[in-house]
């Protein structure tokens, strides 16, 4: 992760990640939950450092984003991604209006390409950019 965000994970976040991982393992013994949890944590680290924000685990907006992120990660893990947009006018508009959110999405897409050989479609990039 440090190659993508140039920072180390603080102890409290590492502990949170470990607790989440243990809970996921108890729910599902096949490792799928662990993979999902790890991917979500990796992406959240990119988000945190790209947007230069601290995360409040009790924030309703963070909970909502985590729900959307979970669905995105499930699609990545099952290689069941969305197809590319036919009309990308909205995507182009969001890239211009929210460049920091879009740049964060690009970092996530590059991370997934490098670590999982997963090509993030424009539709999925739009999905992430909207929810960031």
N, C-alpha and C. Protein backbone atom coordinates (compact mmCIF):
# COMPACT_ATOMS: atom_id res chain seq x y z
N UNK A 1 0.82 -1.19 0.00
CA UNK A 1 0.00 0.00 0.00
C UNK A 1 0.86 1.25 0.00
N UNK A 2 1.98 1.22 0.68
CA UNK A 2 2.79 2.43 0.78
C UNK A 2 3.28 2.90 -0.58
N UNK A 3 3.38 2.01 -1.55
CA UNK A 3 3.79 2.41 -2.90
C UNK A 3 2.73 3.29 -3.56
N UNK A 4 1.49 3.15 -3.13
CA UNK A 4 0.42 3.92 -3.75
C UNK A 4 0.08 5.18 -2.98
N UNK A 5 0.28 5.18 -1.69
CA UNK A 5 -0.12 6.33 -0.89
C UNK A 5 1.03 7.00 -0.15
N UNK A 6 2.19 6.43 -0.19
CA UNK A 6 3.40 7.00 0.43
C UNK A 6 3.26 7.23 1.93
N UNK A 7 2.47 6.42 2.59
CA UNK A 7 2.29 6.56 4.04
C UNK A 7 2.13 5.18 4.66
N UNK A 8 2.45 5.10 5.95
CA UNK A 8 2.24 3.88 6.71
C UNK A 8 0.86 3.92 7.36
N UNK A 9 0.28 2.77 7.60
CA UNK A 9 -1.02 2.67 8.25
C UNK A 9 -0.85 2.86 9.75
N UNK A 10 -1.57 3.82 10.36
CA UNK A 10 -1.47 4.03 11.81
C UNK A 10 -1.94 2.80 12.58
N UNK A 11 -1.46 2.68 13.82
CA UNK A 11 -1.78 1.52 14.64
C UNK A 11 -3.28 1.33 14.84
N UNK A 12 -4.02 2.44 15.07
CA UNK A 12 -5.46 2.29 15.32
C UNK A 12 -6.18 1.77 14.08
N UNK A 13 -5.76 2.19 12.89
CA UNK A 13 -6.38 1.69 11.68
C UNK A 13 -5.98 0.24 11.42
N UNK A 14 -4.75 -0.10 11.74
CA UNK A 14 -4.31 -1.49 11.58
C UNK A 14 -5.10 -2.40 12.52
N UNK A 15 -5.35 -1.93 13.74
CA UNK A 15 -6.14 -2.72 14.69
C UNK A 15 -7.57 -2.88 14.20
N UNK A 16 -8.15 -1.80 13.66
CA UNK A 16 -9.50 -1.87 13.12
C UNK A 16 -9.57 -2.87 11.97
N UNK A 17 -8.56 -2.82 11.10
CA UNK A 17 -8.52 -3.75 9.98
C UNK A 17 -8.43 -5.19 10.48
N UNK A 18 -7.61 -5.43 11.47
CA UNK A 18 -7.45 -6.78 12.01
C UNK A 18 -8.75 -7.28 12.63
N UNK A 19 -9.43 -6.43 13.37
CA UNK A 19 -10.70 -6.81 13.98
C UNK A 19 -11.74 -7.12 12.91
N UNK A 20 -11.82 -6.30 11.89
CA UNK A 20 -12.75 -6.53 10.79
C UNK A 20 -12.44 -7.85 10.10
N UNK A 21 -11.17 -8.11 9.91
CA UNK A 21 -10.74 -9.34 9.25
C UNK A 21 -11.11 -10.57 10.08
N UNK A 22 -10.89 -10.52 11.38
CA UNK A 22 -11.24 -11.64 12.25
C UNK A 22 -12.75 -11.88 12.21
N UNK A 23 -13.54 -10.81 12.29
CA UNK A 23 -14.99 -10.96 12.22
C UNK A 23 -15.43 -11.58 10.90
N UNK A 24 -14.81 -11.15 9.82
CA UNK A 24 -15.15 -11.69 8.50
C UNK A 24 -14.80 -13.16 8.41
N UNK A 25 -13.68 -13.57 8.96
CA UNK A 25 -13.27 -14.97 8.94
C UNK A 25 -14.27 -15.84 9.70
N UNK A 26 -14.78 -15.31 10.81
CA UNK A 26 -15.74 -16.09 11.58
C UNK A 26 -17.04 -16.28 10.82
N UNK A 27 -17.44 -15.29 10.01
CA UNK A 27 -18.68 -15.37 9.26
C UNK A 27 -18.58 -16.32 8.08
N UNK A 28 -17.42 -16.39 7.46
CA UNK A 28 -17.29 -17.15 6.22
C UNK A 28 -15.91 -17.79 6.19
N UNK A 29 -15.84 -19.09 6.30
CA UNK A 29 -14.57 -19.77 6.41
C UNK A 29 -13.80 -19.97 5.12
N UNK A 30 -14.35 -19.57 3.97
CA UNK A 30 -13.67 -19.85 2.71
C UNK A 30 -12.67 -18.78 2.28
N UNK A 31 -12.51 -17.73 3.03
CA UNK A 31 -11.54 -16.70 2.70
C UNK A 31 -12.10 -15.57 1.85
N UNK A 32 -13.31 -15.74 1.32
CA UNK A 32 -13.91 -14.69 0.49
C UNK A 32 -14.11 -13.42 1.30
N UNK A 33 -14.63 -13.56 2.50
CA UNK A 33 -14.85 -12.40 3.36
C UNK A 33 -13.52 -11.72 3.68
N UNK A 34 -12.47 -12.51 3.88
CA UNK A 34 -11.15 -11.94 4.16
C UNK A 34 -10.66 -11.14 2.96
N UNK A 35 -10.80 -11.71 1.76
CA UNK A 35 -10.38 -10.99 0.55
C UNK A 35 -11.16 -9.70 0.38
N UNK A 36 -12.46 -9.77 0.62
CA UNK A 36 -13.31 -8.59 0.51
C UNK A 36 -12.88 -7.52 1.51
N UNK A 37 -12.67 -7.93 2.75
CA UNK A 37 -12.26 -7.00 3.80
C UNK A 37 -10.91 -6.36 3.48
N UNK A 38 -9.97 -7.17 3.04
CA UNK A 38 -8.65 -6.64 2.71
C UNK A 38 -8.72 -5.63 1.56
N UNK A 39 -9.48 -5.97 0.52
CA UNK A 39 -9.60 -5.05 -0.61
C UNK A 39 -10.25 -3.74 -0.18
N UNK A 40 -11.29 -3.82 0.63
CA UNK A 40 -11.95 -2.61 1.10
C UNK A 40 -10.99 -1.76 1.93
N UNK A 41 -10.21 -2.39 2.79
CA UNK A 41 -9.25 -1.64 3.60
C UNK A 41 -8.17 -1.00 2.74
N UNK A 42 -7.70 -1.72 1.74
CA UNK A 42 -6.68 -1.16 0.84
C UNK A 42 -7.22 0.05 0.09
N UNK A 43 -8.44 -0.07 -0.40
CA UNK A 43 -9.05 1.05 -1.12
C UNK A 43 -9.32 2.21 -0.18
N UNK A 44 -9.77 1.92 1.04
CA UNK A 44 -10.01 3.01 2.00
C UNK A 44 -8.72 3.73 2.36
N UNK A 45 -7.62 3.04 2.38
CA UNK A 45 -6.33 3.69 2.64
C UNK A 45 -5.99 4.64 1.50
N UNK A 46 -6.22 4.21 0.27
CA UNK A 46 -5.99 5.09 -0.88
C UNK A 46 -6.89 6.32 -0.78
N UNK A 47 -8.16 6.11 -0.45
CA UNK A 47 -9.12 7.22 -0.33
C UNK A 47 -8.67 8.19 0.75
N UNK A 48 -8.31 7.66 1.90
CA UNK A 48 -7.93 8.51 3.03
C UNK A 48 -6.75 9.42 2.69
N UNK A 49 -5.72 8.84 2.09
CA UNK A 49 -4.53 9.64 1.82
C UNK A 49 -4.67 10.49 0.57
N UNK A 50 -5.43 10.05 -0.40
CA UNK A 50 -5.63 10.85 -1.61
C UNK A 50 -6.47 12.08 -1.31
N UNK A 51 -7.49 11.90 -0.50
CA UNK A 51 -8.37 13.03 -0.16
C UNK A 51 -7.90 13.77 1.08
N UNK A 52 -6.85 13.24 1.73
CA UNK A 52 -6.29 13.84 2.94
C UNK A 52 -7.36 14.07 4.01
N UNK A 53 -8.04 12.97 4.34
CA UNK A 53 -9.10 13.04 5.34
C UNK A 53 -8.84 12.02 6.44
N UNK A 54 -9.43 12.27 7.61
CA UNK A 54 -9.43 11.26 8.66
C UNK A 54 -10.81 10.63 8.66
N UNK A 55 -10.87 9.39 9.06
CA UNK A 55 -12.12 8.65 8.98
C UNK A 55 -12.73 8.49 10.36
N UNK A 56 -14.00 8.83 10.46
CA UNK A 56 -14.77 8.63 11.69
C UNK A 56 -15.67 7.43 11.46
N UNK A 57 -15.38 6.32 12.13
CA UNK A 57 -16.10 5.07 11.91
C UNK A 57 -17.58 5.17 12.25
N UNK A 58 -17.99 6.20 12.98
CA UNK A 58 -19.39 6.37 13.33
C UNK A 58 -20.12 7.32 12.39
N UNK A 59 -19.44 7.84 11.41
CA UNK A 59 -20.03 8.79 10.46
C UNK A 59 -20.96 8.05 9.49
N UNK A 60 -22.19 8.53 9.37
CA UNK A 60 -23.17 7.90 8.50
C UNK A 60 -22.72 7.93 7.03
N UNK A 61 -22.02 8.99 6.63
CA UNK A 61 -21.55 9.07 5.24
C UNK A 61 -20.48 8.02 4.96
N UNK A 62 -19.64 7.76 5.95
CA UNK A 62 -18.64 6.70 5.79
C UNK A 62 -19.33 5.35 5.70
N UNK A 63 -20.34 5.12 6.51
CA UNK A 63 -21.08 3.86 6.44
C UNK A 63 -21.70 3.66 5.07
N UNK A 64 -22.29 4.72 4.52
CA UNK A 64 -22.88 4.63 3.18
C UNK A 64 -21.83 4.32 2.14
N UNK A 65 -20.71 5.03 2.21
CA UNK A 65 -19.65 4.78 1.23
C UNK A 65 -19.14 3.35 1.35
N UNK A 66 -18.99 2.86 2.56
CA UNK A 66 -18.50 1.49 2.76
C UNK A 66 -19.47 0.48 2.15
N UNK A 67 -20.76 0.76 2.21
CA UNK A 67 -21.75 -0.13 1.57
C UNK A 67 -21.54 -0.15 0.07
N UNK A 68 -21.39 1.03 -0.54
CA UNK A 68 -21.15 1.10 -1.98
C UNK A 68 -19.82 0.45 -2.34
N UNK A 69 -18.82 0.67 -1.51
CA UNK A 69 -17.51 0.08 -1.76
C UNK A 69 -17.57 -1.45 -1.67
N UNK A 70 -18.35 -1.95 -0.74
CA UNK A 70 -18.50 -3.41 -0.61
C UNK A 70 -19.07 -4.00 -1.90
N UNK A 71 -20.11 -3.38 -2.45
CA UNK A 71 -20.69 -3.88 -3.70
C UNK A 71 -19.67 -3.82 -4.84
N UNK A 72 -18.91 -2.74 -4.89
CA UNK A 72 -17.88 -2.61 -5.92
C UNK A 72 -16.85 -3.73 -5.77
N UNK A 73 -16.36 -3.95 -4.56
CA UNK A 73 -15.34 -4.98 -4.31
C UNK A 73 -15.87 -6.37 -4.61
N UNK A 74 -17.13 -6.62 -4.30
CA UNK A 74 -17.72 -7.92 -4.64
C UNK A 74 -17.70 -8.14 -6.14
N UNK A 75 -17.99 -7.09 -6.92
CA UNK A 75 -17.94 -7.22 -8.38
C UNK A 75 -16.52 -7.49 -8.85
N UNK A 76 -15.55 -6.84 -8.23
CA UNK A 76 -14.15 -7.08 -8.61
C UNK A 76 -13.76 -8.52 -8.31
N UNK A 77 -14.09 -9.00 -7.11
CA UNK A 77 -13.70 -10.35 -6.70
C UNK A 77 -14.37 -11.43 -7.53
N UNK A 78 -15.58 -11.17 -8.01
CA UNK A 78 -16.27 -12.15 -8.83
C UNK A 78 -16.05 -11.90 -10.31
N UNK A 79 -15.23 -10.89 -10.62
CA UNK A 79 -14.96 -10.49 -12.01
C UNK A 79 -16.26 -10.28 -12.76
N UNK A 80 -17.18 -9.60 -12.09
CA UNK A 80 -18.50 -9.35 -12.64
C UNK A 80 -18.73 -7.85 -12.75
N UNK A 81 -17.77 -7.16 -13.34
CA UNK A 81 -17.82 -5.71 -13.44
C UNK A 81 -18.82 -5.23 -14.46
N UNK A 82 -19.09 -3.97 -14.38
CA UNK A 82 -19.99 -3.32 -15.33
C UNK A 82 -19.29 -3.13 -16.67
N UNK A 83 -20.08 -3.03 -17.70
CA UNK A 83 -19.50 -2.73 -19.01
C UNK A 83 -19.24 -1.23 -19.12
N UNK A 84 -18.47 -0.84 -20.11
CA UNK A 84 -18.19 0.58 -20.30
C UNK A 84 -19.44 1.33 -20.73
N UNK A 85 -19.48 2.58 -20.39
CA UNK A 85 -20.61 3.44 -20.72
C UNK A 85 -20.70 3.68 -22.22
N UNK A 86 -21.93 3.72 -22.72
CA UNK A 86 -22.11 4.09 -24.12
C UNK A 86 -22.17 5.61 -24.24
N UNK A 87 -22.81 6.24 -23.28
CA UNK A 87 -22.89 7.70 -23.25
C UNK A 87 -22.17 8.16 -21.99
N UNK A 88 -20.98 8.71 -22.17
CA UNK A 88 -20.17 9.06 -21.01
C UNK A 88 -20.22 10.55 -20.68
N UNK A 89 -21.29 11.23 -21.07
CA UNK A 89 -21.41 12.66 -20.79
C UNK A 89 -21.38 12.95 -19.29
N UNK A 90 -22.10 12.15 -18.52
CA UNK A 90 -22.11 12.35 -17.07
C UNK A 90 -20.73 12.11 -16.47
N UNK A 91 -20.05 11.09 -16.95
CA UNK A 91 -18.71 10.78 -16.46
C UNK A 91 -17.76 11.94 -16.76
N UNK A 92 -17.83 12.47 -17.98
CA UNK A 92 -16.99 13.61 -18.35
C UNK A 92 -17.28 14.82 -17.47
N UNK A 93 -18.56 15.05 -17.19
CA UNK A 93 -18.95 16.17 -16.33
C UNK A 93 -18.39 16.00 -14.92
N UNK A 94 -18.50 14.79 -14.37
CA UNK A 94 -17.98 14.55 -13.01
C UNK A 94 -16.46 14.68 -12.95
N UNK A 95 -15.77 14.24 -13.98
CA UNK A 95 -14.31 14.37 -14.00
C UNK A 95 -13.90 15.84 -13.91
N UNK A 96 -14.65 16.70 -14.61
CA UNK A 96 -14.33 18.14 -14.58
C UNK A 96 -14.76 18.80 -13.28
N UNK A 97 -15.93 18.44 -12.81
CA UNK A 97 -16.48 19.10 -11.62
C UNK A 97 -15.84 18.62 -10.32
N UNK A 98 -15.42 17.35 -10.28
CA UNK A 98 -14.84 16.77 -9.06
C UNK A 98 -13.50 16.10 -9.38
N UNK A 99 -12.50 16.90 -9.73
CA UNK A 99 -11.22 16.32 -10.16
C UNK A 99 -10.51 15.51 -9.07
N UNK A 100 -10.64 15.90 -7.82
CA UNK A 100 -9.97 15.16 -6.75
C UNK A 100 -10.61 13.78 -6.56
N UNK A 101 -11.93 13.72 -6.60
CA UNK A 101 -12.62 12.43 -6.50
C UNK A 101 -12.26 11.55 -7.69
N UNK A 102 -12.21 12.14 -8.88
CA UNK A 102 -11.85 11.36 -10.06
C UNK A 102 -10.41 10.86 -9.98
N UNK A 103 -9.49 11.71 -9.53
CA UNK A 103 -8.09 11.30 -9.41
C UNK A 103 -7.95 10.16 -8.39
N UNK A 104 -8.72 10.22 -7.33
CA UNK A 104 -8.72 9.14 -6.34
C UNK A 104 -9.23 7.85 -6.98
N UNK A 105 -10.28 7.96 -7.77
CA UNK A 105 -10.81 6.79 -8.49
C UNK A 105 -9.76 6.22 -9.42
N UNK A 106 -9.01 7.06 -10.11
CA UNK A 106 -7.96 6.59 -11.01
C UNK A 106 -6.87 5.84 -10.23
N UNK A 107 -6.54 6.33 -9.04
CA UNK A 107 -5.55 5.64 -8.21
C UNK A 107 -6.06 4.26 -7.80
N UNK A 108 -7.33 4.18 -7.47
CA UNK A 108 -7.93 2.89 -7.12
C UNK A 108 -7.89 1.95 -8.32
N UNK A 109 -8.26 2.46 -9.48
CA UNK A 109 -8.25 1.64 -10.70
C UNK A 109 -6.84 1.14 -11.00
N UNK A 110 -5.85 2.00 -10.85
CA UNK A 110 -4.47 1.59 -11.11
C UNK A 110 -4.01 0.55 -10.08
N UNK A 111 -4.39 0.75 -8.83
CA UNK A 111 -4.06 -0.22 -7.78
C UNK A 111 -4.65 -1.59 -8.12
N UNK A 112 -5.91 -1.63 -8.53
CA UNK A 112 -6.56 -2.90 -8.87
C UNK A 112 -5.94 -3.54 -10.10
N UNK A 113 -5.52 -2.72 -11.03
CA UNK A 113 -4.86 -3.26 -12.23
C UNK A 113 -3.52 -3.90 -11.85
N UNK A 114 -2.76 -3.23 -11.00
CA UNK A 114 -1.44 -3.73 -10.60
C UNK A 114 -1.51 -4.94 -9.67
N UNK A 115 -2.46 -4.94 -8.75
CA UNK A 115 -2.50 -6.00 -7.73
C UNK A 115 -3.41 -7.17 -8.08
N UNK A 116 -4.42 -6.93 -8.90
CA UNK A 116 -5.40 -7.98 -9.20
C UNK A 116 -5.62 -8.19 -10.69
N UNK A 117 -4.85 -7.47 -11.49
CA UNK A 117 -5.00 -7.56 -12.95
C UNK A 117 -6.45 -7.32 -13.36
N UNK A 118 -7.09 -6.36 -12.69
CA UNK A 118 -8.50 -6.05 -12.93
C UNK A 118 -8.60 -4.71 -13.63
N UNK A 119 -9.27 -4.70 -14.77
CA UNK A 119 -9.47 -3.47 -15.54
C UNK A 119 -10.80 -2.85 -15.10
N UNK A 120 -10.74 -1.70 -14.46
CA UNK A 120 -11.93 -1.01 -13.97
C UNK A 120 -12.59 -0.27 -15.12
N UNK A 121 -13.85 -0.59 -15.40
CA UNK A 121 -14.56 0.04 -16.52
C UNK A 121 -14.89 1.50 -16.19
N UNK A 122 -15.24 2.26 -17.22
CA UNK A 122 -15.65 3.65 -17.00
C UNK A 122 -16.91 3.71 -16.14
N UNK A 123 -17.80 2.75 -16.32
CA UNK A 123 -19.02 2.71 -15.52
C UNK A 123 -18.68 2.54 -14.04
N UNK A 124 -17.75 1.66 -13.73
CA UNK A 124 -17.34 1.46 -12.34
C UNK A 124 -16.60 2.69 -11.81
N UNK A 125 -15.81 3.34 -12.66
CA UNK A 125 -15.13 4.56 -12.24
C UNK A 125 -16.15 5.66 -11.95
N UNK A 126 -17.20 5.74 -12.76
CA UNK A 126 -18.27 6.69 -12.51
C UNK A 126 -18.92 6.39 -11.16
N UNK A 127 -19.20 5.12 -10.91
CA UNK A 127 -19.82 4.68 -9.66
C UNK A 127 -18.98 5.13 -8.46
N UNK A 128 -17.68 4.86 -8.51
CA UNK A 128 -16.81 5.25 -7.40
C UNK A 128 -16.71 6.77 -7.26
N UNK A 129 -16.57 7.47 -8.37
CA UNK A 129 -16.43 8.93 -8.32
C UNK A 129 -17.67 9.57 -7.72
N UNK A 130 -18.83 9.09 -8.10
CA UNK A 130 -20.08 9.62 -7.53
C UNK A 130 -20.11 9.43 -6.02
N UNK A 131 -19.71 8.28 -5.56
CA UNK A 131 -19.84 7.98 -4.14
C UNK A 131 -18.70 8.53 -3.29
N UNK A 132 -17.62 8.94 -3.93
CA UNK A 132 -16.54 9.59 -3.17
C UNK A 132 -16.97 11.00 -2.80
